[in-house]
Amino acid sequence: MKKIVILAVIALVSFSASAMELSEYKVFYKLNESSTFNALVRYLDANEDQADQLNYIFDLTERKLNYANKKQSTVAAEKAMMFNLGNAKSILSQDQYRKYLIVLNVSRFSEYDTLAELK
């Protein structure tokens, strides 16, 4: 039974990630801004090495997203997101990575609220 539930959750997460539009990846640009990035590092309680590695990963992610936007490719944007998540997971501790995912989700959904208010 546990395996079925786990597979259902994985399928749901995979579907929701693949259903994102290009504009929905803007959260990575925002997190790469200097003041936001510094606040993220403080929130995660990342050490100096982790911060440097995250900064590098965010720069590469932004480049990959720029390419995806230029090509209007949601597949390339999804790969950029998976690149970011995979590398962040390898850099951060389990607790830090959990916090990072929370920040991403809260940032992404607060962006939706802001857009809904503008419409």
PDB file of N, CA and C in Angstrom:
ATOM      1  N   MET A   1       0.823  -1.185   0.000  1.00  0.00           N
ATOM      2  CA  MET A   1       0.000   0.000   0.000  1.00  0.00           C
ATOM      3  C   MET A   1       0.873   1.256   0.000  1.00  0.00           C
ATOM      4  N   LYS A   2       1.965   1.225   0.791  1.00  0.00           N
ATOM      5  CA  LYS A   2       2.857   2.373   0.854  1.00  0.00           C
ATOM      6  C   LYS A   2       3.466   2.676  -0.510  1.00  0.00           C
ATOM      7  N   LYS A   3       3.817   1.610  -1.237  1.00  0.00           N
ATOM      8  CA  LYS A   3       4.427   1.790  -2.553  1.00  0.00           C
ATOM      9  C   LYS A   3       3.470   2.491  -3.507  1.00  0.00           C
ATOM     10  N   ILE A   4       2.199   2.154  -3.439  1.00  0.00           N
ATOM     11  CA  ILE A   4       1.206   2.775  -4.312  1.00  0.00           C
ATOM     12  C   ILE A   4       1.066   4.257  -3.983  1.00  0.00           C
ATOM     13  N   VAL A   5       1.015   4.574  -2.708  1.00  0.00           N
ATOM     14  CA  VAL A   5       0.895   5.974  -2.289  1.00  0.00           C
ATOM     15  C   VAL A   5       2.131   6.758  -2.721  1.00  0.00           C
ATOM     16  N   ILE A   6       3.297   6.185  -2.526  1.00  0.00           N
ATOM     17  CA  ILE A   6       4.540   6.858  -2.913  1.00  0.00           C
ATOM     18  C   ILE A   6       4.570   7.082  -4.423  1.00  0.00           C
ATOM     19  N   LEU A   7       4.200   6.079  -5.194  1.00  0.00           N
ATOM     20  CA  LEU A   7       4.166   6.223  -6.650  1.00  0.00           C
ATOM     21  C   LEU A   7       3.151   7.274  -7.083  1.00  0.00           C
ATOM     22  N   ALA A   8       2.015   7.330  -6.404  1.00  0.00           N
ATOM     23  CA  ALA A   8       1.002   8.339  -6.736  1.00  0.00           C
ATOM     24  C   ALA A   8       1.527   9.746  -6.465  1.00  0.00           C
ATOM     25  N   VAL A   9       2.230   9.922  -5.350  1.00  0.00           N
ATOM     26  CA  VAL A   9       2.808  11.226  -5.019  1.00  0.00           C
ATOM     27  C   VAL A   9       3.868  11.614  -6.036  1.00  0.00           C
ATOM     28  N   ILE A  10       4.708  10.677  -6.404  1.00  0.00           N
ATOM     29  CA  ILE A  10       5.754  10.957  -7.401  1.00  0.00           C
ATOM     30  C   ILE A  10       5.119  11.332  -8.735  1.00  0.00           C
ATOM     31  N   ALA A  11       4.089  10.611  -9.134  1.00  0.00           N
ATOM     32  CA  ALA A  11       3.408  10.919 -10.401  1.00  0.00           C
ATOM     33  C   ALA A  11       2.775  12.297 -10.347  1.00  0.00           C
ATOM     34  N   LEU A  12       2.163  12.651  -9.215  1.00  0.00           N
ATOM     35  CA  LEU A  12       1.540  13.964  -9.065  1.00  0.00           C
ATOM     36  C   LEU A  12       2.573  15.076  -9.144  1.00  0.00           C
ATOM     37  N   VAL A  13       3.695  14.900  -8.462  1.00  0.00           N
ATOM     38  CA  VAL A  13       4.760  15.897  -8.489  1.00  0.00           C
ATOM     39  C   VAL A  13       5.325  16.018  -9.900  1.00  0.00           C
ATOM     40  N   SER A  14       5.535  14.907 -10.556  1.00  0.00           N
ATOM     41  CA  SER A  14       6.058  14.928 -11.927  1.00  0.00           C
ATOM     42  C   SER A  14       5.098  15.634 -12.862  1.00  0.00           C
ATOM     43  N   PHE A  15       3.813  15.362 -12.714  1.00  0.00           N
ATOM     44  CA  PHE A  15       2.829  16.001 -13.577  1.00  0.00           C
ATOM     45  C   PHE A  15       2.773  17.497 -13.322  1.00  0.00           C
ATOM     46  N   SER A  16       2.778  17.895 -12.052  1.00  0.00           N
ATOM     47  CA  SER A  16       2.688  19.324 -11.748  1.00  0.00           C
ATOM     48  C   SER A  16       3.931  20.059 -12.215  1.00  0.00           C
ATOM     49  N   ALA A  17       5.082  19.425 -12.142  1.00  0.00           N
ATOM     50  CA  ALA A  17       6.310  20.071 -12.613  1.00  0.00           C
ATOM     51  C   ALA A  17       6.308  20.199 -14.121  1.00  0.00           C
ATOM     52  N   SER A  18       5.825  19.178 -14.810  1.00  0.00           N
ATOM     53  CA  SER A  18       5.838  19.224 -16.270  1.00  0.00           C
ATOM     54  C   SER A  18       4.733  20.113 -16.821  1.00  0.00           C
ATOM     55  N   ALA A  19       3.734  20.429 -16.023  1.00  0.00           N
ATOM     56  CA  ALA A  19       2.630  21.246 -16.499  1.00  0.00           C
ATOM     57  C   ALA A  19       2.909  22.743 -16.339  1.00  0.00           C
ATOM     58  N   MET A  20       4.053  23.100 -15.846  1.00  0.00           N
ATOM     59  CA  MET A  20       4.379  24.503 -15.632  1.00  0.00           C
ATOM     60  C   MET A  20       4.610  25.203 -16.965  1.00  0.00           C
ATOM     61  N   GLU A  21       4.200  26.459 -17.019  1.00  0.00           N
ATOM     62  CA  GLU A  21       4.479  27.281 -18.183  1.00  0.00           C
ATOM     63  C   GLU A  21       5.808  27.987 -17.972  1.00  0.00           C
ATOM     64  N   LEU A  22       6.353  28.535 -19.044  1.00  0.00           N
ATOM     65  CA  LEU A  22       7.656  29.204 -18.950  1.00  0.00           C
ATOM     66  C   LEU A  22       7.652  30.338 -17.932  1.00  0.00           C
ATOM     67  N   SER A  23       6.579  31.080 -17.842  1.00  0.00           N
ATOM     68  CA  SER A  23       6.519  32.208 -16.913  1.00  0.00           C
ATOM     69  C   SER A  23       6.562  31.765 -15.451  1.00  0.00           C
ATOM     70  N   GLU A  24       6.265  30.501 -15.203  1.00  0.00           N
ATOM     71  CA  GLU A  24       6.219  29.999 -13.838  1.00  0.00           C
ATOM     72  C   GLU A  24       7.596  29.667 -13.269  1.00  0.00           C
ATOM     73  N   TYR A  25       8.614  29.783 -14.071  1.00  0.00           N
ATOM     74  CA  TYR A  25       9.974  29.506 -13.608  1.00  0.00           C
ATOM     75  C   TYR A  25      10.670  30.778 -13.113  1.00  0.00           C
ATOM     76  N   LYS A  26       9.937  31.881 -13.072  1.00  0.00           N
ATOM     77  CA  LYS A  26      10.522  33.161 -12.671  1.00  0.00           C
ATOM     78  C   LYS A  26      11.057  33.150 -11.250  1.00  0.00           C
ATOM     79  N   VAL A  27      10.587  32.223 -10.440  1.00  0.00           N
ATOM     80  CA  VAL A  27      11.038  32.147  -9.055  1.00  0.00           C
ATOM     81  C   VAL A  27      12.556  31.968  -8.976  1.00  0.00           C
ATOM     82  N   PHE A  28      13.142  31.264  -9.945  1.00  0.00           N
ATOM     83  CA  PHE A  28      14.594  31.045  -9.928  1.00  0.00           C
ATOM     84  C   PHE A  28      15.359  32.343 -10.213  1.00  0.00           C
ATOM     85  N   TYR A  29      14.782  33.198 -11.053  1.00  0.00           N
ATOM     86  CA  TYR A  29      15.403  34.503 -11.300  1.00  0.00           C
ATOM     87  C   TYR A  29      15.370  35.349 -10.028  1.00  0.00           C
ATOM     88  N   LYS A  30      14.224  35.332  -9.355  1.00  0.00           N
ATOM     89  CA  LYS A  30      14.069  36.120  -8.127  1.00  0.00           C
ATOM     90  C   LYS A  30      15.041  35.633  -7.046  1.00  0.00           C
ATOM     91  N   LEU A  31      15.177  34.326  -6.916  1.00  0.00           N
ATOM     92  CA  LEU A  31      16.070  33.792  -5.887  1.00  0.00           C
ATOM     93  C   LEU A  31      17.536  34.068  -6.201  1.00  0.00           C
ATOM     94  N   ASN A  32      17.853  34.363  -7.447  1.00  0.00           N
ATOM     95  CA  ASN A  32      19.230  34.648  -7.828  1.00  0.00           C
ATOM     96  C   ASN A  32      19.594  36.119  -7.628  1.00  0.00           C
ATOM     97  N   GLU A  33      18.617  36.979  -7.311  1.00  0.00           N
ATOM     98  CA  GLU A  33      18.919  38.377  -7.005  1.00  0.00           C
ATOM     99  C   GLU A  33      19.707  38.426  -5.706  1.00  0.00           C
ATOM    100  N   SER A  34      20.621  39.354  -5.616  1.00  0.00           N
ATOM    101  CA  SER A  34      21.578  39.400  -4.509  1.00  0.00           C
ATOM    102  C   SER A  34      20.904  39.419  -3.132  1.00  0.00           C
ATOM    103  N   SER A  35      19.984  40.336  -2.913  1.00  0.00           N
ATOM    104  CA  SER A  35      19.374  40.452  -1.584  1.00  0.00           C
ATOM    105  C   SER A  35      18.529  39.222  -1.251  1.00  0.00           C
ATOM    106  N   THR A  36      17.813  38.695  -2.238  1.00  0.00           N
ATOM    107  CA  THR A  36      16.998  37.502  -2.015  1.00  0.00           C
ATOM    108  C   THR A  36      17.887  36.291  -1.769  1.00  0.00           C
ATOM    109  N   PHE A  37      18.951  36.180  -2.538  1.00  0.00           N
ATOM    110  CA  PHE A  37      19.867  35.060  -2.367  1.00  0.00           C
ATOM    111  C   PHE A  37      20.500  35.085  -0.966  1.00  0.00           C
ATOM    112  N   ASN A  38      20.928  36.268  -0.528  1.00  0.00           N
ATOM    113  CA  ASN A  38      21.532  36.384   0.802  1.00  0.00           C
ATOM    114  C   ASN A  38      20.538  36.007   1.896  1.00  0.00           C
ATOM    115  N   ALA A  39      19.283  36.408   1.735  1.00  0.00           N
ATOM    116  CA  ALA A  39      18.253  36.044   2.712  1.00  0.00           C
ATOM    117  C   ALA A  39      18.014  34.537   2.703  1.00  0.00           C
ATOM    118  N   LEU A  40      18.033  33.939   1.520  1.00  0.00           N
ATOM    119  CA  LEU A  40      17.863  32.489   1.408  1.00  0.00           C
ATOM    120  C   LEU A  40      18.998  31.753   2.118  1.00  0.00           C
ATOM    121  N   VAL A  41      20.215  32.208   1.904  1.00  0.00           N
ATOM    122  CA  VAL A  41      21.383  31.584   2.541  1.00  0.00           C
ATOM    123  C   VAL A  41      21.267  31.676   4.063  1.00  0.00           C
ATOM    124  N   ARG A  42      20.830  32.832   4.553  1.00  0.00           N
ATOM    125  CA  ARG A  42      20.650  32.991   6.009  1.00  0.00           C
ATOM    126  C   ARG A  42      19.554  32.061   6.520  1.00  0.00           C
ATOM    127  N   TYR A  43      18.438  31.989   5.793  1.00  0.00           N
ATOM    128  CA  TYR A  43      17.327  31.128   6.204  1.00  0.00           C
ATOM    129  C   TYR A  43      17.739  29.659   6.231  1.00  0.00           C
ATOM    130  N   LEU A  44      18.506  29.254   5.241  1.00  0.00           N
ATOM    131  CA  LEU A  44      18.962  27.857   5.179  1.00  0.00           C
ATOM    132  C   LEU A  44      20.086  27.573   6.157  1.00  0.00           C
ATOM    133  N   ASP A  45      20.662  28.625   6.708  1.00  0.00           N
ATOM    134  CA  ASP A  45      21.830  28.514   7.592  1.00  0.00           C
ATOM    135  C   ASP A  45      22.955  27.778   6.864  1.00  0.00           C
ATOM    136  N   ALA A  46      23.161  28.191   5.609  1.00  0.00           N
ATOM    137  CA  ALA A  46      24.193  27.574   4.776  1.00  0.00           C
ATOM    138  C   ALA A  46      25.561  28.138   5.135  1.00  0.00           C
ATOM    139  N   ASN A  47      26.568  27.288   5.079  1.00  0.00           N
ATOM    140  CA  ASN A  47      27.919  27.770   5.335  1.00  0.00           C
ATOM    141  C   ASN A  47      28.456  28.447   4.071  1.00  0.00           C
ATOM    142  N   GLU A  48      29.663  28.974   4.157  1.00  0.00           N
ATOM    143  CA  GLU A  48      30.235  29.752   3.048  1.00  0.00           C
ATOM    144  C   GLU A  48      30.410  28.902   1.784  1.00  0.00           C
ATOM    145  N   ASP A  49      30.872  27.672   1.943  1.00  0.00           N
ATOM    146  CA  ASP A  49      31.049  26.791   0.782  1.00  0.00           C
ATOM    147  C   ASP A  49      29.713  26.480   0.119  1.00  0.00           C
ATOM    148  N   GLN A  50      28.711  26.185   0.927  1.00  0.00           N
ATOM    149  CA  GLN A  50      27.385  25.909   0.380  1.00  0.00           C
ATOM    150  C   GLN A  50      26.841  27.135  -0.355  1.00  0.00           C
ATOM    151  N   ALA A  51      27.047  28.317   0.230  1.00  0.00           N
ATOM    152  CA  ALA A  51      26.563  29.550  -0.399  1.00  0.00           C
ATOM    153  C   ALA A  51      27.238  29.769  -1.755  1.00  0.00           C
ATOM    154  N   ASP A  52      28.537  29.540  -1.812  1.00  0.00           N
ATOM    155  CA  ASP A  52      29.262  29.697  -3.082  1.00  0.00           C
ATOM    156  C   ASP A  52      28.755  28.705  -4.127  1.00  0.00           C
ATOM    157  N   GLN A  53      28.563  27.470  -3.708  1.00  0.00           N
ATOM    158  CA  GLN A  53      28.076  26.452  -4.639  1.00  0.00           C
ATOM    159  C   GLN A  53      26.652  26.758  -5.090  1.00  0.00           C
ATOM    160  N   LEU A  54      25.797  27.207  -4.182  1.00  0.00           N
ATOM    161  CA  LEU A  54      24.433  27.568  -4.551  1.00  0.00           C
ATOM    162  C   LEU A  54      24.423  28.739  -5.528  1.00  0.00           C
ATOM    163  N   ASN A  55      25.285  29.710  -5.275  1.00  0.00           N
ATOM    164  CA  ASN A  55      25.376  30.861  -6.169  1.00  0.00           C
ATOM    165  C   ASN A  55      25.743  30.412  -7.584  1.00  0.00           C
ATOM    166  N   TYR A  56      26.703  29.518  -7.681  1.00  0.00           N
ATOM    167  CA  TYR A  56      27.127  28.978  -8.974  1.00  0.00           C
ATOM    168  C   TYR A  56      25.975  28.227  -9.647  1.00  0.00           C
ATOM    169  N   ILE A  57      25.265  27.407  -8.878  1.00  0.00           N
ATOM    170  CA  ILE A  57      24.131  26.644  -9.401  1.00  0.00           C
ATOM    171  C   ILE A  57      23.028  27.591  -9.878  1.00  0.00           C
ATOM    172  N   PHE A  58      22.776  28.654  -9.126  1.00  0.00           N
ATOM    173  CA  PHE A  58      21.741  29.607  -9.514  1.00  0.00           C
ATOM    174  C   PHE A  58      22.130  30.337 -10.795  1.00  0.00           C
ATOM    175  N   ASP A  59      23.400  30.677 -10.940  1.00  0.00           N
ATOM    176  CA  ASP A  59      23.851  31.326 -12.177  1.00  0.00           C
ATOM    177  C   ASP A  59      23.663  30.400 -13.378  1.00  0.00           C
ATOM    178  N   LEU A  60      24.040  29.139 -13.222  1.00  0.00           N
ATOM    179  CA  LEU A  60      23.857  28.174 -14.306  1.00  0.00           C
ATOM    180  C   LEU A  60      22.375  27.942 -14.603  1.00  0.00           C
ATOM    181  N   THR A  61      21.568  27.891 -13.570  1.00  0.00           N
ATOM    182  CA  THR A  61      20.127  27.714 -13.753  1.00  0.00           C
ATOM    183  C   THR A  61      19.546  28.883 -14.536  1.00  0.00           C
ATOM    184  N   GLU A  62      19.984  30.088 -14.195  1.00  0.00           N
ATOM    185  CA  GLU A  62      19.487  31.266 -14.900  1.00  0.00           C
ATOM    186  C   GLU A  62      19.881  31.224 -16.379  1.00  0.00           C
ATOM    187  N   ARG A  63      21.097  30.796 -16.664  1.00  0.00           N
ATOM    188  CA  ARG A  63      21.519  30.660 -18.060  1.00  0.00           C
ATOM    189  C   ARG A  63      20.661  29.647 -18.806  1.00  0.00           C
ATOM    190  N   LYS A  64      20.402  28.525 -18.158  1.00  0.00           N
ATOM    191  CA  LYS A  64      19.586  27.486 -18.773  1.00  0.00           C
ATOM    192  C   LYS A  64      18.145  27.982 -19.003  1.00  0.00           C
ATOM    193  N   LEU A  65      17.631  28.756 -18.068  1.00  0.00           N
ATOM    194  CA  LEU A  65      16.281  29.289 -18.231  1.00  0.00           C
ATOM    195  C   LEU A  65      16.232  30.356 -19.325  1.00  0.00           C
ATOM    196  N   ASN A  66      17.280  31.145 -19.434  1.00  0.00           N
ATOM    197  CA  ASN A  66      17.341  32.128 -20.525  1.00  0.00           C
ATOM    198  C   ASN A  66      17.301  31.424 -21.877  1.00  0.00           C
ATOM    199  N   TYR A  67      18.040  30.336 -21.983  1.00  0.00           N
ATOM    200  CA  TYR A  67      18.027  29.537 -23.215  1.00  0.00           C
ATOM    201  C   TYR A  67      16.626  28.981 -23.476  1.00  0.00           C
ATOM    202  N   ALA A  68      15.988  28.461 -22.430  1.00  0.00           N
ATOM    203  CA  ALA A  68      14.646  27.896 -22.573  1.00  0.00           C
ATOM    204  C   ALA A  68      13.649  28.966 -23.015  1.00  0.00           C
ATOM    205  N   ASN A  69      13.763  30.157 -22.440  1.00  0.00           N
ATOM    206  CA  ASN A  69      12.867  31.250 -22.824  1.00  0.00           C
ATOM    207  C   ASN A  69      13.111  31.677 -24.262  1.00  0.00           C
ATOM    208  N   LYS A  70      14.373  31.730 -24.640  1.00  0.00           N
ATOM    209  CA  LYS A  70      14.721  32.117 -26.007  1.00  0.00           C
ATOM    210  C   LYS A  70      14.130  31.120 -27.011  1.00  0.00           C
ATOM    211  N   LYS A  71      14.194  29.848 -26.687  1.00  0.00           N
ATOM    212  CA  LYS A  71      13.677  28.789 -27.566  1.00  0.00           C
ATOM    213  C   LYS A  71      12.186  28.495 -27.321  1.00  0.00           C
ATOM    214  N   GLN A  72      11.596  29.160 -26.323  1.00  0.00           N
ATOM    215  CA  GLN A  72      10.202  28.901 -25.937  1.00  0.00           C
ATOM    216  C   GLN A  72       9.983  27.417 -25.671  1.00  0.00           C
ATOM    217  N   SER A  73      10.920  26.825 -24.929  1.00  0.00           N
ATOM    218  CA  SER A  73      10.897  25.387 -24.673  1.00  0.00           C
ATOM    219  C   SER A  73      10.594  25.098 -23.201  1.00  0.00           C
ATOM    220  N   THR A  74       9.409  24.552 -22.946  1.00  0.00           N
ATOM    221  CA  THR A  74       9.086  24.159 -21.579  1.00  0.00           C
ATOM    222  C   THR A  74       9.909  22.945 -21.152  1.00  0.00           C
ATOM    223  N   VAL A  75      10.313  22.126 -22.104  1.00  0.00           N
ATOM    224  CA  VAL A  75      11.154  20.963 -21.795  1.00  0.00           C
ATOM    225  C   VAL A  75      12.512  21.432 -21.275  1.00  0.00           C
ATOM    226  N   ALA A  76      13.107  22.407 -21.940  1.00  0.00           N
ATOM    227  CA  ALA A  76      14.399  22.943 -21.491  1.00  0.00           C
ATOM    228  C   ALA A  76      14.254  23.634 -20.142  1.00  0.00           C
ATOM    229  N   ALA A  77      13.128  24.319 -19.920  1.00  0.00           N
ATOM    230  CA  ALA A  77      12.900  24.978 -18.631  1.00  0.00           C
ATOM    231  C   ALA A  77      12.755  23.949 -17.519  1.00  0.00           C
ATOM    232  N   GLU A  78      12.068  22.857 -17.817  1.00  0.00           N
ATOM    233  CA  GLU A  78      11.925  21.796 -16.824  1.00  0.00           C
ATOM    234  C   GLU A  78      13.281  21.169 -16.502  1.00  0.00           C
ATOM    235  N   LYS A  79      14.113  20.982 -17.522  1.00  0.00           N
ATOM    236  CA  LYS A  79      15.453  20.448 -17.288  1.00  0.00           C
ATOM    237  C   LYS A  79      16.276  21.398 -16.421  1.00  0.00           C
ATOM    238  N   ALA A  80      16.110  22.697 -16.637  1.00  0.00           N
ATOM    239  CA  ALA A  80      16.823  23.685 -15.822  1.00  0.00           C
ATOM    240  C   ALA A  80      16.369  23.594 -14.369  1.00  0.00           C
ATOM    241  N   MET A  81      15.067  23.428 -14.163  1.00  0.00           N
ATOM    242  CA  MET A  81      14.541  23.295 -12.806  1.00  0.00           C
ATOM    243  C   MET A  81      15.078  22.027 -12.145  1.00  0.00           C
ATOM    244  N   MET A  82      15.065  20.918 -12.884  1.00  0.00           N
ATOM    245  CA  MET A  82      15.565  19.659 -12.329  1.00  0.00           C
ATOM    246  C   MET A  82      17.067  19.742 -12.039  1.00  0.00           C
ATOM    247  N   PHE A  83      17.793  20.467 -12.891  1.00  0.00           N
ATOM    248  CA  PHE A  83      19.219  20.709 -12.664  1.00  0.00           C
ATOM    249  C   PHE A  83      19.412  21.441 -11.341  1.00  0.00           C
ATOM    250  N   ASN A  84      18.607  22.486 -11.133  1.00  0.00           N
ATOM    251  CA  ASN A  84      18.706  23.271  -9.908  1.00  0.00           C
ATOM    252  C   ASN A  84      18.376  22.412  -8.691  1.00  0.00           C
ATOM    253  N   LEU A  85      17.269  21.701  -8.758  1.00  0.00           N
ATOM    254  CA  LEU A  85      16.836  20.896  -7.611  1.00  0.00           C
ATOM    255  C   LEU A  85      17.825  19.774  -7.298  1.00  0.00           C
ATOM    256  N   GLY A  86      18.309  19.112  -8.323  1.00  0.00           N
ATOM    257  CA  GLY A  86      19.252  18.017  -8.112  1.00  0.00           C
ATOM    258  C   GLY A  86      20.556  18.487  -7.500  1.00  0.00           C
ATOM    259  N   ASN A  87      21.060  19.601  -7.992  1.00  0.00           N
ATOM    260  CA  ASN A  87      22.316  20.112  -7.451  1.00  0.00           C
ATOM    261  C   ASN A  87      22.136  20.708  -6.058  1.00  0.00           C
ATOM    262  N   ALA A  88      21.020  21.362  -5.831  1.00  0.00           N
ATOM    263  CA  ALA A  88      20.759  21.897  -4.492  1.00  0.00           C
ATOM    264  C   ALA A  88      20.662  20.756  -3.483  1.00  0.00           C
ATOM    265  N   LYS A  89      20.044  19.666  -3.894  1.00  0.00           N
ATOM    266  CA  LYS A  89      19.913  18.510  -2.997  1.00  0.00           C
ATOM    267  C   LYS A  89      21.276  17.924  -2.643  1.00  0.00           C
ATOM    268  N   SER A  90      22.201  17.940  -3.602  1.00  0.00           N
ATOM    269  CA  SER A  90      23.527  17.381  -3.322  1.00  0.00           C
ATOM    270  C   SER A  90      24.381  18.330  -2.475  1.00  0.00           C
ATOM    271  N   ILE A  91      24.076  19.609  -2.500  1.00  0.00           N
ATOM    272  CA  ILE A  91      24.854  20.602  -1.760  1.00  0.00           C
ATOM    273  C   ILE A  91      24.353  20.750  -0.326  1.00  0.00           C
ATOM    274  N   LEU A  92      23.043  20.721  -0.157  1.00  0.00           N
ATOM    275  CA  LEU A  92      22.428  21.023   1.135  1.00  0.00           C
ATOM    276  C   LEU A  92      22.192  19.760   1.960  1.00  0.00           C
ATOM    277  N   SER A  93      22.075  19.950   3.265  1.00  0.00           N
ATOM    278  CA  SER A  93      21.680  18.831   4.130  1.00  0.00           C
ATOM    279  C   SER A  93      20.206  18.537   3.882  1.00  0.00           C
ATOM    280  N   GLN A  94      19.724  17.447   4.411  1.00  0.00           N
ATOM    281  CA  GLN A  94      18.334  17.059   4.204  1.00  0.00           C
ATOM    282  C   GLN A  94      17.384  18.130   4.742  1.00  0.00           C
ATOM    283  N   ASP A  95      17.674  18.660   5.918  1.00  0.00           N
ATOM    284  CA  ASP A  95      16.826  19.696   6.511  1.00  0.00           C
ATOM    285  C   ASP A  95      16.887  20.993   5.700  1.00  0.00           C
ATOM    286  N   GLN A  96      18.087  21.369   5.259  1.00  0.00           N
ATOM    287  CA  GLN A  96      18.229  22.573   4.442  1.00  0.00           C
ATOM    288  C   GLN A  96      17.487  22.425   3.120  1.00  0.00           C
ATOM    289  N   TYR A  97      17.571  21.259   2.509  1.00  0.00           N
ATOM    290  CA  TYR A  97      16.894  21.023   1.238  1.00  0.00           C
ATOM    291  C   TYR A  97      15.381  21.084   1.413  1.00  0.00           C
ATOM    292  N   ARG A  98      14.874  20.557   2.498  1.00  0.00           N
ATOM    293  CA  ARG A  98      13.434  20.636   2.787  1.00  0.00           C
ATOM    294  C   ARG A  98      13.006  22.099   2.883  1.00  0.00           C
ATOM    295  N   LYS A  99      13.799  22.905   3.590  1.00  0.00           N
ATOM    296  CA  LYS A  99      13.502  24.334   3.693  1.00  0.00           C
ATOM    297  C   LYS A  99      13.560  25.013   2.328  1.00  0.00           C
ATOM    298  N   TYR A 100      14.524  24.600   1.509  1.00  0.00           N
ATOM    299  CA  TYR A 100      14.674  25.171   0.169  1.00  0.00           C
ATOM    300  C   TYR A 100      13.433  24.893  -0.676  1.00  0.00           C
ATOM    301  N   LEU A 101      12.925  23.666  -0.613  1.00  0.00           N
ATOM    302  CA  LEU A 101      11.715  23.311  -1.362  1.00  0.00           C
ATOM    303  C   LEU A 101      10.512  24.120  -0.874  1.00  0.00           C
ATOM    304  N   ILE A 102      10.456  24.340   0.421  1.00  0.00           N
ATOM    305  CA  ILE A 102       9.359  25.152   0.972  1.00  0.00           C
ATOM    306  C   ILE A 102       9.439  26.575   0.427  1.00  0.00           C
ATOM    307  N   VAL A 103      10.638  27.145   0.407  1.00  0.00           N
ATOM    308  CA  VAL A 103      10.812  28.502  -0.124  1.00  0.00           C
ATOM    309  C   VAL A 103      10.391  28.554  -1.592  1.00  0.00           C
ATOM    310  N   LEU A 104      10.799  27.571  -2.379  1.00  0.00           N
ATOM    311  CA  LEU A 104      10.420  27.541  -3.794  1.00  0.00           C
ATOM    312  C   LEU A 104       8.907  27.491  -3.962  1.00  0.00           C
ATOM    313  N   ASN A 105       8.263  26.619  -3.225  1.00  0.00           N
ATOM    314  CA  ASN A 105       6.810  26.480  -3.356  1.00  0.00           C
ATOM    315  C   ASN A 105       6.071  27.723  -2.881  1.00  0.00           C
ATOM    316  N   VAL A 106       6.480  28.272  -1.763  1.00  0.00           N
ATOM    317  CA  VAL A 106       5.829  29.483  -1.258  1.00  0.00           C
ATOM    318  C   VAL A 106       6.040  30.637  -2.234  1.00  0.00           C
ATOM    319  N   SER A 107       7.248  30.764  -2.755  1.00  0.00           N
ATOM    320  CA  SER A 107       7.544  31.833  -3.712  1.00  0.00           C
ATOM    321  C   SER A 107       6.734  31.660  -4.983  1.00  0.00           C
ATOM    322  N   ARG A 108       6.650  30.462  -5.457  1.00  0.00           N
ATOM    323  CA  ARG A 108       5.913  30.186  -6.697  1.00  0.00           C
ATOM    324  C   ARG A 108       4.438  30.483  -6.532  1.00  0.00           C
ATOM    325  N   PHE A 109       3.839  30.060  -5.431  1.00  0.00           N
ATOM    326  CA  PHE A 109       2.411  30.265  -5.250  1.00  0.00           C
ATOM    327  C   PHE A 109       2.079  31.693  -4.833  1.00  0.00           C
ATOM    328  N   SER A 110       2.989  32.392  -4.178  1.00  0.00           N
ATOM    329  CA  SER A 110       2.730  33.804  -3.873  1.00  0.00           C
ATOM    330  C   SER A 110       2.772  34.626  -5.155  1.00  0.00           C
ATOM    331  N   GLU A 111       3.561  34.185  -6.131  1.00  0.00           N
ATOM    332  CA  GLU A 111       3.594  34.822  -7.451  1.00  0.00           C
ATOM    333  C   GLU A 111       2.227  34.686  -8.116  1.00  0.00           C
ATOM    334  N   TYR A 112       1.590  33.513  -7.968  1.00  0.00           N
ATOM    335  CA  TYR A 112       0.257  33.321  -8.537  1.00  0.00           C
ATOM    336  C   TYR A 112      -0.749  34.276  -7.895  1.00  0.00           C
ATOM    337  N   ASP A 113      -0.665  34.420  -6.563  1.00  0.00           N
ATOM    338  CA  ASP A 113      -1.585  35.322  -5.867  1.00  0.00           C
ATOM    339  C   ASP A 113      -1.415  36.749  -6.367  1.00  0.00           C
ATOM    340  N   THR A 114      -0.160  37.181  -6.560  1.00  0.00           N
ATOM    341  CA  THR A 114       0.113  38.523  -7.053  1.00  0.00           C
ATOM    342  C   THR A 114      -0.451  38.701  -8.453  1.00  0.00           C
ATOM    343  N   LEU A 115      -0.262  37.717  -9.322  1.00  0.00           N
ATOM    344  CA  LEU A 115      -0.789  37.790 -10.683  1.00  0.00           C
ATOM    345  C   LEU A 115      -2.313  37.791 -10.690  1.00  0.00           C
ATOM    346  N   ALA A 116      -2.926  37.025  -9.805  1.00  0.00           N
ATOM    347  CA  ALA A 116      -4.392  36.973  -9.748  1.00  0.00           C
ATOM    348  C   ALA A 116      -4.957  38.324  -9.308  1.00  0.00           C
ATOM    349  N   GLU A 117      -4.256  39.012  -8.410  1.00  0.00           N
ATOM    350  CA  GLU A 117      -4.710  40.324  -7.947  1.00  0.00           C
ATOM    351  C   GLU A 117      -4.621  41.358  -9.056  1.00  0.00           C
ATOM    352  N   LEU A 118      -3.640  41.220  -9.946  1.00  0.00           N
ATOM    353  CA  LEU A 118      -3.455  42.177 -11.038  1.00  0.00           C
ATOM    354  C   LEU A 118      -4.498  42.003 -12.129  1.00  0.00           C
ATOM    355  N   LYS A 119      -5.066  40.828 -12.241  1.00  0.00           N
ATOM    356  CA  LYS A 119      -6.040  40.563 -13.316  1.00  0.00           C
ATOM    357  C   LYS A 119      -7.391  41.124 -13.018  1.00  0.00           C
TER     358      LYS A 119
END
